[in-house]
Amino acid sequence: MIYDINLIHPITKARILLDAPHQMRGGTYQVGGSYEAHLNITYNYGMYYYACMGENGIRTIYGMTGAESIPILKKCADELGDDTDPNYWKPTEGNAKAGLLQIIAIAQMRPDCVWDGD
């Protein structure tokens, strides 16, 4: 299971395309990069997101603009440790933090757009 997280246009609700492909990787990714302002993150990290973002976990940012979400995402990332594991699926604080840092990068690319997911 995954959180499928996208930035969408606030009026048309269309998925946002970036000017250049990004190489950010979640549970799935596009070889060669993706133009979509999108990332999916495994539910395996959910416990960490609930602990630092409350009862809605990562879904807390859904409906927020990229700009509105950045302080929330940064605060959560700052609370998580750096214990990454090469196995993406392993639920460690560092792996969960890596996903947040990628979401922050996407939000910084298009702070005017709105998060949607699942």
PDB file of N, CA and C in Angstrom:
ATOM      1  N   MET A   1       0.835  -1.169   0.000  1.00  0.00           N
ATOM      2  CA  MET A   1       0.000   0.000   0.000  1.00  0.00           C
ATOM      3  C   MET A   1       0.891   1.247   0.000  1.00  0.00           C
ATOM      4  N   ILE A   2       0.375   2.292  -0.615  1.00  0.00           N
ATOM      5  CA  ILE A   2       1.150   3.528  -0.733  1.00  0.00           C
ATOM      6  C   ILE A   2       0.274   4.755  -0.529  1.00  0.00           C
ATOM      7  N   TYR A   3       0.915   5.845  -0.149  1.00  0.00           N
ATOM      8  CA  TYR A   3       0.309   7.165  -0.240  1.00  0.00           C
ATOM      9  C   TYR A   3       0.717   7.677  -1.617  1.00  0.00           C
ATOM     10  N   ASP A   4      -0.230   7.980  -2.469  1.00  0.00           N
ATOM     11  CA  ASP A   4       0.037   8.497  -3.805  1.00  0.00           C
ATOM     12  C   ASP A   4      -0.203  10.004  -3.736  1.00  0.00           C
ATOM     13  N   ILE A   5       0.867  10.778  -3.648  1.00  0.00           N
ATOM     14  CA  ILE A   5       0.775  12.207  -3.332  1.00  0.00           C
ATOM     15  C   ILE A   5       1.123  13.043  -4.555  1.00  0.00           C
ATOM     16  N   ASN A   6       0.239  13.993  -4.888  1.00  0.00           N
ATOM     17  CA  ASN A   6       0.392  14.823  -6.093  1.00  0.00           C
ATOM     18  C   ASN A   6       0.130  16.287  -5.787  1.00  0.00           C
ATOM     19  N   LEU A   7       0.807  17.158  -6.503  1.00  0.00           N
ATOM     20  CA  LEU A   7       0.415  18.561  -6.533  1.00  0.00           C
ATOM     21  C   LEU A   7      -0.509  18.739  -7.721  1.00  0.00           C
ATOM     22  N   ILE A   8      -1.633  19.409  -7.480  1.00  0.00           N
ATOM     23  CA  ILE A   8      -2.611  19.651  -8.540  1.00  0.00           C
ATOM     24  C   ILE A   8      -2.878  21.153  -8.664  1.00  0.00           C
ATOM     25  N   HIS A   9      -3.396  21.536  -9.818  1.00  0.00           N
ATOM     26  CA  HIS A   9      -3.766  22.930 -10.050  1.00  0.00           C
ATOM     27  C   HIS A   9      -4.950  23.266  -9.140  1.00  0.00           C
ATOM     28  N   PRO A  10      -4.905  24.400  -8.452  1.00  0.00           N
ATOM     29  CA  PRO A  10      -5.971  24.708  -7.491  1.00  0.00           C
ATOM     30  C   PRO A  10      -7.356  24.916  -8.110  1.00  0.00           C
ATOM     31  N   ILE A  11      -7.428  25.256  -9.381  1.00  0.00           N
ATOM     32  CA  ILE A  11      -8.728  25.488 -10.031  1.00  0.00           C
ATOM     33  C   ILE A  11      -9.151  24.270 -10.865  1.00  0.00           C
ATOM     34  N   THR A  12      -8.286  23.842 -11.774  1.00  0.00           N
ATOM     35  CA  THR A  12      -8.667  22.765 -12.696  1.00  0.00           C
ATOM     36  C   THR A  12      -8.518  21.370 -12.086  1.00  0.00           C
ATOM     37  N   LYS A  13      -7.754  21.269 -11.019  1.00  0.00           N
ATOM     38  CA  LYS A  13      -7.461  19.990 -10.344  1.00  0.00           C
ATOM     39  C   LYS A  13      -6.607  19.051 -11.191  1.00  0.00           C
ATOM     40  N   ALA A  14      -6.028  19.564 -12.267  1.00  0.00           N
ATOM     41  CA  ALA A  14      -5.146  18.755 -13.122  1.00  0.00           C
ATOM     42  C   ALA A  14      -3.810  18.546 -12.425  1.00  0.00           C
ATOM     43  N   ARG A  15      -3.214  17.376 -12.645  1.00  0.00           N
ATOM     44  CA  ARG A  15      -1.878  17.126 -12.115  1.00  0.00           C
ATOM     45  C   ARG A  15      -0.901  18.112 -12.729  1.00  0.00           C
ATOM     46  N   ILE A  16       0.039  18.547 -11.926  1.00  0.00           N
ATOM     47  CA  ILE A  16       1.021  19.539 -12.352  1.00  0.00           C
ATOM     48  C   ILE A  16       2.215  18.849 -13.005  1.00  0.00           C
ATOM     49  N   LEU A  17       2.650  19.402 -14.137  1.00  0.00           N
ATOM     50  CA  LEU A  17       3.865  18.947 -14.800  1.00  0.00           C
ATOM     51  C   LEU A  17       4.964  19.970 -14.546  1.00  0.00           C
ATOM     52  N   LEU A  18       6.148  19.472 -14.263  1.00  0.00           N
ATOM     53  CA  LEU A  18       7.306  20.326 -13.998  1.00  0.00           C
ATOM     54  C   LEU A  18       8.047  20.622 -15.297  1.00  0.00           C
ATOM     55  N   ASP A  19       8.897  21.635 -15.277  1.00  0.00           N
ATOM     56  CA  ASP A  19       9.653  22.022 -16.466  1.00  0.00           C
ATOM     57  C   ASP A  19      10.717  20.997 -16.852  1.00  0.00           C
ATOM     58  N   ALA A  20      11.223  20.285 -15.860  1.00  0.00           N
ATOM     59  CA  ALA A  20      12.264  19.276 -16.101  1.00  0.00           C
ATOM     60  C   ALA A  20      11.926  18.034 -15.265  1.00  0.00           C
ATOM     61  N   PRO A  21      12.356  16.869 -15.724  1.00  0.00           N
ATOM     62  CA  PRO A  21      12.049  15.656 -14.951  1.00  0.00           C
ATOM     63  C   PRO A  21      12.840  15.602 -13.644  1.00  0.00           C
ATOM     64  N   HIS A  22      12.184  15.088 -12.600  1.00  0.00           N
ATOM     65  CA  HIS A  22      12.878  14.882 -11.334  1.00  0.00           C
ATOM     66  C   HIS A  22      13.191  13.399 -11.178  1.00  0.00           C
ATOM     67  N   GLN A  23      14.186  13.105 -10.376  1.00  0.00           N
ATOM     68  CA  GLN A  23      14.640  11.737 -10.153  1.00  0.00           C
ATOM     69  C   GLN A  23      14.238  11.220  -8.769  1.00  0.00           C
ATOM     70  N   MET A  24      13.277  11.857  -8.134  1.00  0.00           N
ATOM     71  CA  MET A  24      12.865  11.437  -6.801  1.00  0.00           C
ATOM     72  C   MET A  24      12.168  10.083  -6.888  1.00  0.00           C
ATOM     73  N   ARG A  25      12.465   9.245  -5.897  1.00  0.00           N
ATOM     74  CA  ARG A  25      11.945   7.883  -5.922  1.00  0.00           C
ATOM     75  C   ARG A  25      11.212   7.547  -4.639  1.00  0.00           C
ATOM     76  N   GLY A  26      10.055   6.973  -4.812  1.00  0.00           N
ATOM     77  CA  GLY A  26       9.302   6.439  -3.687  1.00  0.00           C
ATOM     78  C   GLY A  26       9.182   4.943  -3.878  1.00  0.00           C
ATOM     79  N   GLY A  27       8.010   4.396  -3.572  1.00  0.00           N
ATOM     80  CA  GLY A  27       7.783   2.965  -3.745  1.00  0.00           C
ATOM     81  C   GLY A  27       7.822   2.553  -5.207  1.00  0.00           C
ATOM     82  N   THR A  28       7.395   3.446  -6.084  1.00  0.00           N
ATOM     83  CA  THR A  28       7.533   3.251  -7.525  1.00  0.00           C
ATOM     84  C   THR A  28       8.124   4.530  -8.093  1.00  0.00           C
ATOM     85  N   TYR A  29       8.683   4.434  -9.257  1.00  0.00           N
ATOM     86  CA  TYR A  29       9.272   5.603  -9.896  1.00  0.00           C
ATOM     87  C   TYR A  29       9.364   5.351 -11.391  1.00  0.00           C
ATOM     88  N   GLN A  30       9.576   6.417 -12.125  1.00  0.00           N
ATOM     89  CA  GLN A  30       9.692   6.338 -13.573  1.00  0.00           C
ATOM     90  C   GLN A  30      11.161   6.367 -13.952  1.00  0.00           C
ATOM     91  N   VAL A  31      11.616   5.351 -14.663  1.00  0.00           N
ATOM     92  CA  VAL A  31      13.000   5.320 -15.137  1.00  0.00           C
ATOM     93  C   VAL A  31      13.209   6.525 -16.052  1.00  0.00           C
ATOM     94  N   GLY A  32      14.302   7.248 -15.833  1.00  0.00           N
ATOM     95  CA  GLY A  32      14.581   8.440 -16.620  1.00  0.00           C
ATOM     96  C   GLY A  32      14.004   9.704 -16.007  1.00  0.00           C
ATOM     97  N   GLY A  33      13.250   9.561 -14.932  1.00  0.00           N
ATOM     98  CA  GLY A  33      12.670  10.716 -14.252  1.00  0.00           C
ATOM     99  C   GLY A  33      11.233  10.958 -14.641  1.00  0.00           C
ATOM    100  N   SER A  34      10.579  11.809 -13.893  1.00  0.00           N
ATOM    101  CA  SER A  34       9.172  12.120 -14.118  1.00  0.00           C
ATOM    102  C   SER A  34       8.970  13.626 -14.150  1.00  0.00           C
ATOM    103  N   TYR A  35       8.101  14.070 -15.031  1.00  0.00           N
ATOM    104  CA  TYR A  35       7.725  15.473 -15.103  1.00  0.00           C
ATOM    105  C   TYR A  35       6.593  15.803 -14.129  1.00  0.00           C
ATOM    106  N   GLU A  36       5.951  14.797 -13.566  1.00  0.00           N
ATOM    107  CA  GLU A  36       4.827  15.025 -12.676  1.00  0.00           C
ATOM    108  C   GLU A  36       5.282  15.436 -11.277  1.00  0.00           C
ATOM    109  N   ALA A  37       4.554  16.367 -10.681  1.00  0.00           N
ATOM    110  CA  ALA A  37       4.800  16.780  -9.298  1.00  0.00           C
ATOM    111  C   ALA A  37       4.121  15.743  -8.410  1.00  0.00           C
ATOM    112  N   HIS A  38       4.743  14.595  -8.335  1.00  0.00           N
ATOM    113  CA  HIS A  38       4.136  13.409  -7.735  1.00  0.00           C
ATOM    114  C   HIS A  38       5.201  12.565  -7.040  1.00  0.00           C
ATOM    115  N   LEU A  39       4.797  11.928  -5.966  1.00  0.00           N
ATOM    116  CA  LEU A  39       5.638  10.940  -5.298  1.00  0.00           C
ATOM    117  C   LEU A  39       4.715   9.986  -4.571  1.00  0.00           C
ATOM    118  N   ASN A  40       5.081   8.714  -4.571  1.00  0.00           N
ATOM    119  CA  ASN A  40       4.341   7.820  -3.694  1.00  0.00           C
ATOM    120  C   ASN A  40       5.273   7.338  -2.605  1.00  0.00           C
ATOM    121  N   ILE A  41       4.682   7.154  -1.439  1.00  0.00           N
ATOM    122  CA  ILE A  41       5.432   6.777  -0.247  1.00  0.00           C
ATOM    123  C   ILE A  41       4.723   5.587   0.385  1.00  0.00           C
ATOM    124  N   THR A  42       5.486   4.593   0.789  1.00  0.00           N
ATOM    125  CA  THR A  42       4.896   3.408   1.390  1.00  0.00           C
ATOM    126  C   THR A  42       4.180   3.716   2.706  1.00  0.00           C
ATOM    127  N   TYR A  43       3.067   3.014   2.924  1.00  0.00           N
ATOM    128  CA  TYR A  43       2.346   3.117   4.200  1.00  0.00           C
ATOM    129  C   TYR A  43       3.214   2.633   5.360  1.00  0.00           C
ATOM    130  N   ASN A  44       4.284   1.896   5.067  1.00  0.00           N
ATOM    131  CA  ASN A  44       5.156   1.393   6.131  1.00  0.00           C
ATOM    132  C   ASN A  44       5.693   2.521   7.010  1.00  0.00           C
ATOM    133  N   TYR A  45       5.747   3.735   6.471  1.00  0.00           N
ATOM    134  CA  TYR A  45       6.258   4.872   7.234  1.00  0.00           C
ATOM    135  C   TYR A  45       5.152   5.615   7.988  1.00  0.00           C
ATOM    136  N   GLY A  46       3.921   5.197   7.783  1.00  0.00           N
ATOM    137  CA  GLY A  46       2.769   5.905   8.338  1.00  0.00           C
ATOM    138  C   GLY A  46       2.863   6.176   9.826  1.00  0.00           C
ATOM    139  N   MET A  47       3.366   5.223  10.607  1.00  0.00           N
ATOM    140  CA  MET A  47       3.437   5.407  12.063  1.00  0.00           C
ATOM    141  C   MET A  47       4.247   6.644  12.439  1.00  0.00           C
ATOM    142  N   TYR A  48       5.293   6.927  11.659  1.00  0.00           N
ATOM    143  CA  TYR A  48       6.119   8.100  11.944  1.00  0.00           C
ATOM    144  C   TYR A  48       5.375   9.395  11.595  1.00  0.00           C
ATOM    145  N   TYR A  49       4.631   9.355  10.494  1.00  0.00           N
ATOM    146  CA  TYR A  49       3.891  10.548  10.083  1.00  0.00           C
ATOM    147  C   TYR A  49       2.743  10.845  11.050  1.00  0.00           C
ATOM    148  N   TYR A  50       2.081   9.802  11.541  1.00  0.00           N
ATOM    149  CA  TYR A  50       1.029  10.017  12.536  1.00  0.00           C
ATOM    150  C   TYR A  50       1.621  10.589  13.822  1.00  0.00           C
ATOM    151  N   ALA A  51       2.792  10.100  14.210  1.00  0.00           N
ATOM    152  CA  ALA A  51       3.423  10.562  15.458  1.00  0.00           C
ATOM    153  C   ALA A  51       3.766  12.045  15.408  1.00  0.00           C
ATOM    154  N   CYS A  52       4.189  12.550  14.251  1.00  0.00           N
ATOM    155  CA  CYS A  52       4.613  13.956  14.201  1.00  0.00           C
ATOM    156  C   CYS A  52       3.604  14.894  13.548  1.00  0.00           C
ATOM    157  N   MET A  53       2.591  14.357  12.832  1.00  0.00           N
ATOM    158  CA  MET A  53       1.604  15.233  12.194  1.00  0.00           C
ATOM    159  C   MET A  53       0.197  15.046  12.743  1.00  0.00           C
ATOM    160  N   GLY A  54       0.026  14.108  13.667  1.00  0.00           N
ATOM    161  CA  GLY A  54      -1.292  13.936  14.268  1.00  0.00           C
ATOM    162  C   GLY A  54      -2.143  12.890  13.587  1.00  0.00           C
ATOM    163  N   GLU A  55      -3.433  12.927  13.895  1.00  0.00           N
ATOM    164  CA  GLU A  55      -4.349  11.856  13.512  1.00  0.00           C
ATOM    165  C   GLU A  55      -4.499  11.633  12.002  1.00  0.00           C
ATOM    166  N   ASN A  56      -4.156  12.605  11.196  1.00  0.00           N
ATOM    167  CA  ASN A  56      -4.245  12.427   9.742  1.00  0.00           C
ATOM    168  C   ASN A  56      -2.911  12.060   9.101  1.00  0.00           C
ATOM    169  N   GLY A  57      -1.844  12.050   9.863  1.00  0.00           N
ATOM    170  CA  GLY A  57      -0.540  11.694   9.329  1.00  0.00           C
ATOM    171  C   GLY A  57      -0.177  12.558   8.138  1.00  0.00           C
ATOM    172  N   ILE A  58       0.398  11.940   7.101  1.00  0.00           N
ATOM    173  CA  ILE A  58       0.822  12.679   5.906  1.00  0.00           C
ATOM    174  C   ILE A  58      -0.368  13.323   5.190  1.00  0.00           C
ATOM    175  N   ARG A  59      -1.551  12.756   5.401  1.00  0.00           N
ATOM    176  CA  ARG A  59      -2.750  13.319   4.772  1.00  0.00           C
ATOM    177  C   ARG A  59      -3.087  14.708   5.313  1.00  0.00           C
ATOM    178  N   THR A  60      -2.422  15.130   6.365  1.00  0.00           N
ATOM    179  CA  THR A  60      -2.596  16.473   6.912  1.00  0.00           C
ATOM    180  C   THR A  60      -2.374  17.527   5.838  1.00  0.00           C
ATOM    181  N   ILE A  61      -1.461  17.260   4.895  1.00  0.00           N
ATOM    182  CA  ILE A  61      -1.136  18.271   3.875  1.00  0.00           C
ATOM    183  C   ILE A  61      -2.124  18.288   2.718  1.00  0.00           C
ATOM    184  N   TYR A  62      -2.970  17.261   2.582  1.00  0.00           N
ATOM    185  CA  TYR A  62      -3.923  17.224   1.472  1.00  0.00           C
ATOM    186  C   TYR A  62      -4.845  18.447   1.556  1.00  0.00           C
ATOM    187  N   GLY A  63      -4.972  19.162   0.457  1.00  0.00           N
ATOM    188  CA  GLY A  63      -5.774  20.380   0.407  1.00  0.00           C
ATOM    189  C   GLY A  63      -4.978  21.640   0.694  1.00  0.00           C
ATOM    190  N   MET A  64      -3.756  21.499   1.195  1.00  0.00           N
ATOM    191  CA  MET A  64      -2.890  22.655   1.437  1.00  0.00           C
ATOM    192  C   MET A  64      -2.100  22.985   0.181  1.00  0.00           C
ATOM    193  N   THR A  65      -1.677  24.238   0.080  1.00  0.00           N
ATOM    194  CA  THR A  65      -0.754  24.573  -0.997  1.00  0.00           C
ATOM    195  C   THR A  65       0.625  24.034  -0.618  1.00  0.00           C
ATOM    196  N   GLY A  66       1.487  23.949  -1.617  1.00  0.00           N
ATOM    197  CA  GLY A  66       2.859  23.553  -1.337  1.00  0.00           C
ATOM    198  C   GLY A  66       3.478  24.463  -0.288  1.00  0.00           C
ATOM    199  N   ALA A  67       3.250  25.777  -0.417  1.00  0.00           N
ATOM    200  CA  ALA A  67       3.816  26.743   0.529  1.00  0.00           C
ATOM    201  C   ALA A  67       3.300  26.509   1.945  1.00  0.00           C
ATOM    202  N   GLU A  68       2.013  26.248   2.085  1.00  0.00           N
ATOM    203  CA  GLU A  68       1.428  26.010   3.415  1.00  0.00           C
ATOM    204  C   GLU A  68       1.974  24.738   4.058  1.00  0.00           C
ATOM    205  N   SER A  69       2.289  23.752   3.226  1.00  0.00           N
ATOM    206  CA  SER A  69       2.719  22.453   3.747  1.00  0.00           C
ATOM    207  C   SER A  69       4.181  22.422   4.192  1.00  0.00           C
ATOM    208  N   ILE A  70       5.001  23.277   3.637  1.00  0.00           N
ATOM    209  CA  ILE A  70       6.451  23.209   3.894  1.00  0.00           C
ATOM    210  C   ILE A  70       6.796  23.286   5.387  1.00  0.00           C
ATOM    211  N   PRO A  71       6.252  24.233   6.162  1.00  0.00           N
ATOM    212  CA  PRO A  71       6.623  24.270   7.585  1.00  0.00           C
ATOM    213  C   PRO A  71       6.213  22.998   8.340  1.00  0.00           C
ATOM    214  N   ILE A  72       5.078  22.433   8.001  1.00  0.00           N
ATOM    215  CA  ILE A  72       4.600  21.209   8.653  1.00  0.00           C
ATOM    216  C   ILE A  72       5.521  20.041   8.313  1.00  0.00           C
ATOM    217  N   LEU A  73       5.860  19.925   7.034  1.00  0.00           N
ATOM    218  CA  LEU A  73       6.736  18.837   6.586  1.00  0.00           C
ATOM    219  C   LEU A  73       8.137  18.977   7.189  1.00  0.00           C
ATOM    220  N   LYS A  74       8.656  20.204   7.225  1.00  0.00           N
ATOM    221  CA  LYS A  74       9.985  20.432   7.801  1.00  0.00           C
ATOM    222  C   LYS A  74      10.006  20.103   9.287  1.00  0.00           C
ATOM    223  N   LYS A  75       8.967  20.497  10.009  1.00  0.00           N
ATOM    224  CA  LYS A  75       8.900  20.210  11.444  1.00  0.00           C
ATOM    225  C   LYS A  75       8.927  18.702  11.672  1.00  0.00           C
ATOM    226  N   CYS A  76       8.156  17.969  10.903  1.00  0.00           N
ATOM    227  CA  CYS A  76       8.125  16.510  11.035  1.00  0.00           C
ATOM    228  C   CYS A  76       9.487  15.917  10.684  1.00  0.00           C
ATOM    229  N   ALA A  77      10.076  16.362   9.594  1.00  0.00           N
ATOM    230  CA  ALA A  77      11.391  15.853   9.186  1.00  0.00           C
ATOM    231  C   ALA A  77      12.434  16.116  10.272  1.00  0.00           C
ATOM    232  N   ASP A  78      12.357  17.280  10.898  1.00  0.00           N
ATOM    233  CA  ASP A  78      13.307  17.618  11.965  1.00  0.00           C
ATOM    234  C   ASP A  78      13.156  16.717  13.187  1.00  0.00           C
ATOM    235  N   GLU A  79      11.962  16.189  13.398  1.00  0.00           N
ATOM    236  CA  GLU A  79      11.703  15.305  14.541  1.00  0.00           C
ATOM    237  C   GLU A  79      12.168  13.871  14.300  1.00  0.00           C
ATOM    238  N   LEU A  80      12.387  13.510  13.040  1.00  0.00           N
ATOM    239  CA  LEU A  80      12.758  12.134  12.707  1.00  0.00           C
ATOM    240  C   LEU A  80      14.271  11.953  12.680  1.00  0.00           C
ATOM    241  N   GLY A  81      14.694  10.748  12.999  1.00  0.00           N
ATOM    242  CA  GLY A  81      16.113  10.413  12.980  1.00  0.00           C
ATOM    243  C   GLY A  81      16.634  10.196  11.571  1.00  0.00           C
ATOM    244  N   ASP A  82      17.890   9.831  11.488  1.00  0.00           N
ATOM    245  CA  ASP A  82      18.563   9.661  10.205  1.00  0.00           C
ATOM    246  C   ASP A  82      18.919   8.204   9.907  1.00  0.00           C
ATOM    247  N   ASP A  83      18.280   7.268  10.564  1.00  0.00           N
ATOM    248  CA  ASP A  83      18.607   5.844  10.424  1.00  0.00           C
ATOM    249  C   ASP A  83      17.986   5.236   9.160  1.00  0.00           C
ATOM    250  N   THR A  84      18.592   5.524   8.024  1.00  0.00           N
ATOM    251  CA  THR A  84      18.090   4.977   6.766  1.00  0.00           C
ATOM    252  C   THR A  84      18.515   3.527   6.605  1.00  0.00           C
ATOM    253  N   ASP A  85      17.821   2.843   5.739  1.00  0.00           N
ATOM    254  CA  ASP A  85      18.143   1.465   5.398  1.00  0.00           C
ATOM    255  C   ASP A  85      18.083   1.373   3.882  1.00  0.00           C
ATOM    256  N   PRO A  86      18.991   0.630   3.246  1.00  0.00           N
ATOM    257  CA  PRO A  86      18.945   0.517   1.787  1.00  0.00           C
ATOM    258  C   PRO A  86      17.657  -0.142   1.276  1.00  0.00           C
ATOM    259  N   ASN A  87      16.980  -0.887   2.136  1.00  0.00           N
ATOM    260  CA  ASN A  87      15.690  -1.472   1.783  1.00  0.00           C
ATOM    261  C   ASN A  87      14.633  -0.388   1.953  1.00  0.00           C
ATOM    262  N   TYR A  88      14.166   0.184   0.848  1.00  0.00           N
ATOM    263  CA  TYR A  88      13.184   1.274   0.868  1.00  0.00           C
ATOM    264  C   TYR A  88      11.984   0.941   1.749  1.00  0.00           C
ATOM    265  N   TRP A  89      11.552  -0.282   1.730  1.00  0.00           N
ATOM    266  CA  TRP A  89      10.305  -0.689   2.401  1.00  0.00           C
ATOM    267  C   TRP A  89      10.458  -0.802   3.916  1.00  0.00           C
ATOM    268  N   LYS A  90      11.687  -0.833   4.417  1.00  0.00           N
ATOM    269  CA  LYS A  90      11.897  -0.981   5.854  1.00  0.00           C
ATOM    270  C   LYS A  90      11.479   0.304   6.572  1.00  0.00           C
ATOM    271  N   PRO A  91      10.575   0.199   7.550  1.00  0.00           N
ATOM    272  CA  PRO A  91      10.103   1.400   8.247  1.00  0.00           C
ATOM    273  C   PRO A  91      11.106   1.904   9.281  1.00  0.00           C
ATOM    274  N   THR A  92      11.955   2.803   8.856  1.00  0.00           N
ATOM    275  CA  THR A  92      12.884   3.468   9.758  1.00  0.00           C
ATOM    276  C   THR A  92      12.582   4.964   9.730  1.00  0.00           C
ATOM    277  N   GLU A  93      12.972   5.660  10.776  1.00  0.00           N
ATOM    278  CA  GLU A  93      12.751   7.108  10.795  1.00  0.00           C
ATOM    279  C   GLU A  93      13.473   7.781   9.637  1.00  0.00           C
ATOM    280  N   GLY A  94      14.675   7.317   9.344  1.00  0.00           N
ATOM    281  CA  GLY A  94      15.448   7.923   8.255  1.00  0.00           C
ATOM    282  C   GLY A  94      14.800   7.718   6.896  1.00  0.00           C
ATOM    283  N   ASN A  95      14.254   6.535   6.654  1.00  0.00           N
ATOM    284  CA  ASN A  95      13.561   6.294   5.388  1.00  0.00           C
ATOM    285  C   ASN A  95      12.310   7.171   5.293  1.00  0.00           C
ATOM    286  N   ALA A  96      11.565   7.286   6.405  1.00  0.00           N
ATOM    287  CA  ALA A  96      10.374   8.138   6.421  1.00  0.00           C
ATOM    288  C   ALA A  96      10.761   9.603   6.192  1.00  0.00           C
ATOM    289  N   LYS A  97      11.858  10.016   6.797  1.00  0.00           N
ATOM    290  CA  LYS A  97      12.347  11.388   6.633  1.00  0.00           C
ATOM    291  C   LYS A  97      12.738  11.662   5.183  1.00  0.00           C
ATOM    292  N   ALA A  98      13.382  10.693   4.538  1.00  0.00           N
ATOM    293  CA  ALA A  98      13.783  10.867   3.134  1.00  0.00           C
ATOM    294  C   ALA A  98      12.570  11.153   2.253  1.00  0.00           C
ATOM    295  N   GLY A  99      11.467  10.449   2.506  1.00  0.00           N
ATOM    296  CA  GLY A  99      10.239  10.714   1.750  1.00  0.00           C
ATOM    297  C   GLY A  99       9.739  12.128   1.965  1.00  0.00           C
ATOM    298  N   LEU A 100       9.781  12.598   3.205  1.00  0.00           N
ATOM    299  CA  LEU A 100       9.343  13.968   3.494  1.00  0.00           C
ATOM    300  C   LEU A 100      10.216  15.000   2.801  1.00  0.00           C
ATOM    301  N   LEU A 101      11.522  14.776   2.798  1.00  0.00           N
ATOM    302  CA  LEU A 101      12.425  15.729   2.161  1.00  0.00           C
ATOM    303  C   LEU A 101      12.157  15.837   0.664  1.00  0.00           C
ATOM    304  N   GLN A 102      11.770  14.739   0.050  1.00  0.00           N
ATOM    305  CA  GLN A 102      11.421  14.780  -1.377  1.00  0.00           C
ATOM    306  C   GLN A 102      10.108  15.537  -1.601  1.00  0.00           C
ATOM    307  N   ILE A 103       9.137  15.319  -0.725  1.00  0.00           N
ATOM    308  CA  ILE A 103       7.864  16.051  -0.819  1.00  0.00           C
ATOM    309  C   ILE A 103       8.105  17.549  -0.631  1.00  0.00           C
ATOM    310  N   ILE A 104       8.982  17.902   0.296  1.00  0.00           N
ATOM    311  CA  ILE A 104       9.328  19.315   0.501  1.00  0.00           C
ATOM    312  C   ILE A 104       9.925  19.900  -0.780  1.00  0.00           C
ATOM    313  N   ALA A 105      10.820  19.150  -1.426  1.00  0.00           N
ATOM    314  CA  ALA A 105      11.442  19.635  -2.668  1.00  0.00           C
ATOM    315  C   ALA A 105      10.385  19.878  -3.748  1.00  0.00           C
ATOM    316  N   ILE A 106       9.415  18.990  -3.858  1.00  0.00           N
ATOM    317  CA  ILE A 106       8.344  19.174  -4.846  1.00  0.00           C
ATOM    318  C   ILE A 106       7.513  20.405  -4.484  1.00  0.00           C
ATOM    319  N   ALA A 107       7.205  20.572  -3.203  1.00  0.00           N
ATOM    320  CA  ALA A 107       6.433  21.738  -2.762  1.00  0.00           C
ATOM    321  C   ALA A 107       7.167  23.037  -3.081  1.00  0.00           C
ATOM    322  N   GLN A 108       8.483  23.026  -2.952  1.00  0.00           N
ATOM    323  CA  GLN A 108       9.276  24.225  -3.248  1.00  0.00           C
ATOM    324  C   GLN A 108       9.273  24.540  -4.742  1.00  0.00           C
ATOM    325  N   MET A 109       9.143  23.514  -5.580  1.00  0.00           N
ATOM    326  CA  MET A 109       9.083  23.738  -7.031  1.00  0.00           C
ATOM    327  C   MET A 109       7.784  24.408  -7.445  1.00  0.00           C
ATOM    328  N   ARG A 110       6.679  24.055  -6.781  1.00  0.00           N
ATOM    329  CA  ARG A 110       5.361  24.606  -7.128  1.00  0.00           C
ATOM    330  C   ARG A 110       4.581  24.950  -5.865  1.00  0.00           C
ATOM    331  N   PRO A 111       5.015  25.972  -5.142  1.00  0.00           N
ATOM    332  CA  PRO A 111       4.359  26.325  -3.877  1.00  0.00           C
ATOM    333  C   PRO A 111       2.922  26.812  -4.030  1.00  0.00           C
ATOM    334  N   ASP A 112       2.536  27.182  -5.260  1.00  0.00           N
ATOM    335  CA  ASP A 112       1.210  27.708  -5.527  1.00  0.00           C
ATOM    336  C   ASP A 112       0.150  26.631  -5.743  1.00  0.00           C
ATOM    337  N   CYS A 113       0.567  25.386  -5.888  1.00  0.00           N
ATOM    338  CA  CYS A 113      -0.365  24.302  -6.185  1.00  0.00           C
ATOM    339  C   CYS A 113      -0.793  23.597  -4.909  1.00  0.00           C
ATOM    340  N   VAL A 114      -1.781  22.705  -5.031  1.00  0.00           N
ATOM    341  CA  VAL A 114      -2.429  22.087  -3.875  1.00  0.00           C
ATOM    342  C   VAL A 114      -2.140  20.596  -3.841  1.00  0.00           C
ATOM    343  N   TRP A 115      -1.916  20.072  -2.626  1.00  0.00           N
ATOM    344  CA  TRP A 115      -1.662  18.634  -2.459  1.00  0.00           C
ATOM    345  C   TRP A 115      -2.962  17.843  -2.530  1.00  0.00           C
ATOM    346  N   ASP A 116      -2.863  16.714  -3.206  1.00  0.00           N
ATOM    347  CA  ASP A 116      -3.949  15.748  -3.315  1.00  0.00           C
ATOM    348  C   ASP A 116      -3.324  14.375  -3.163  1.00  0.00           C
ATOM    349  N   GLY A 117      -4.085  13.391  -2.787  1.00  0.00           N
ATOM    350  CA  GLY A 117      -3.466  12.084  -2.650  1.00  0.00           C
ATOM    351  C   GLY A 117      -4.436  10.943  -2.501  1.00  0.00           C
ATOM    352  N   ASP A 118      -3.824   9.784  -2.372  1.00  0.00           N
ATOM    353  CA  ASP A 118      -4.454   8.483  -2.252  1.00  0.00           C
ATOM    354  C   ASP A 118      -5.240   8.185  -3.483  1.00  0.00           C
TER     355      ASP A 118
END
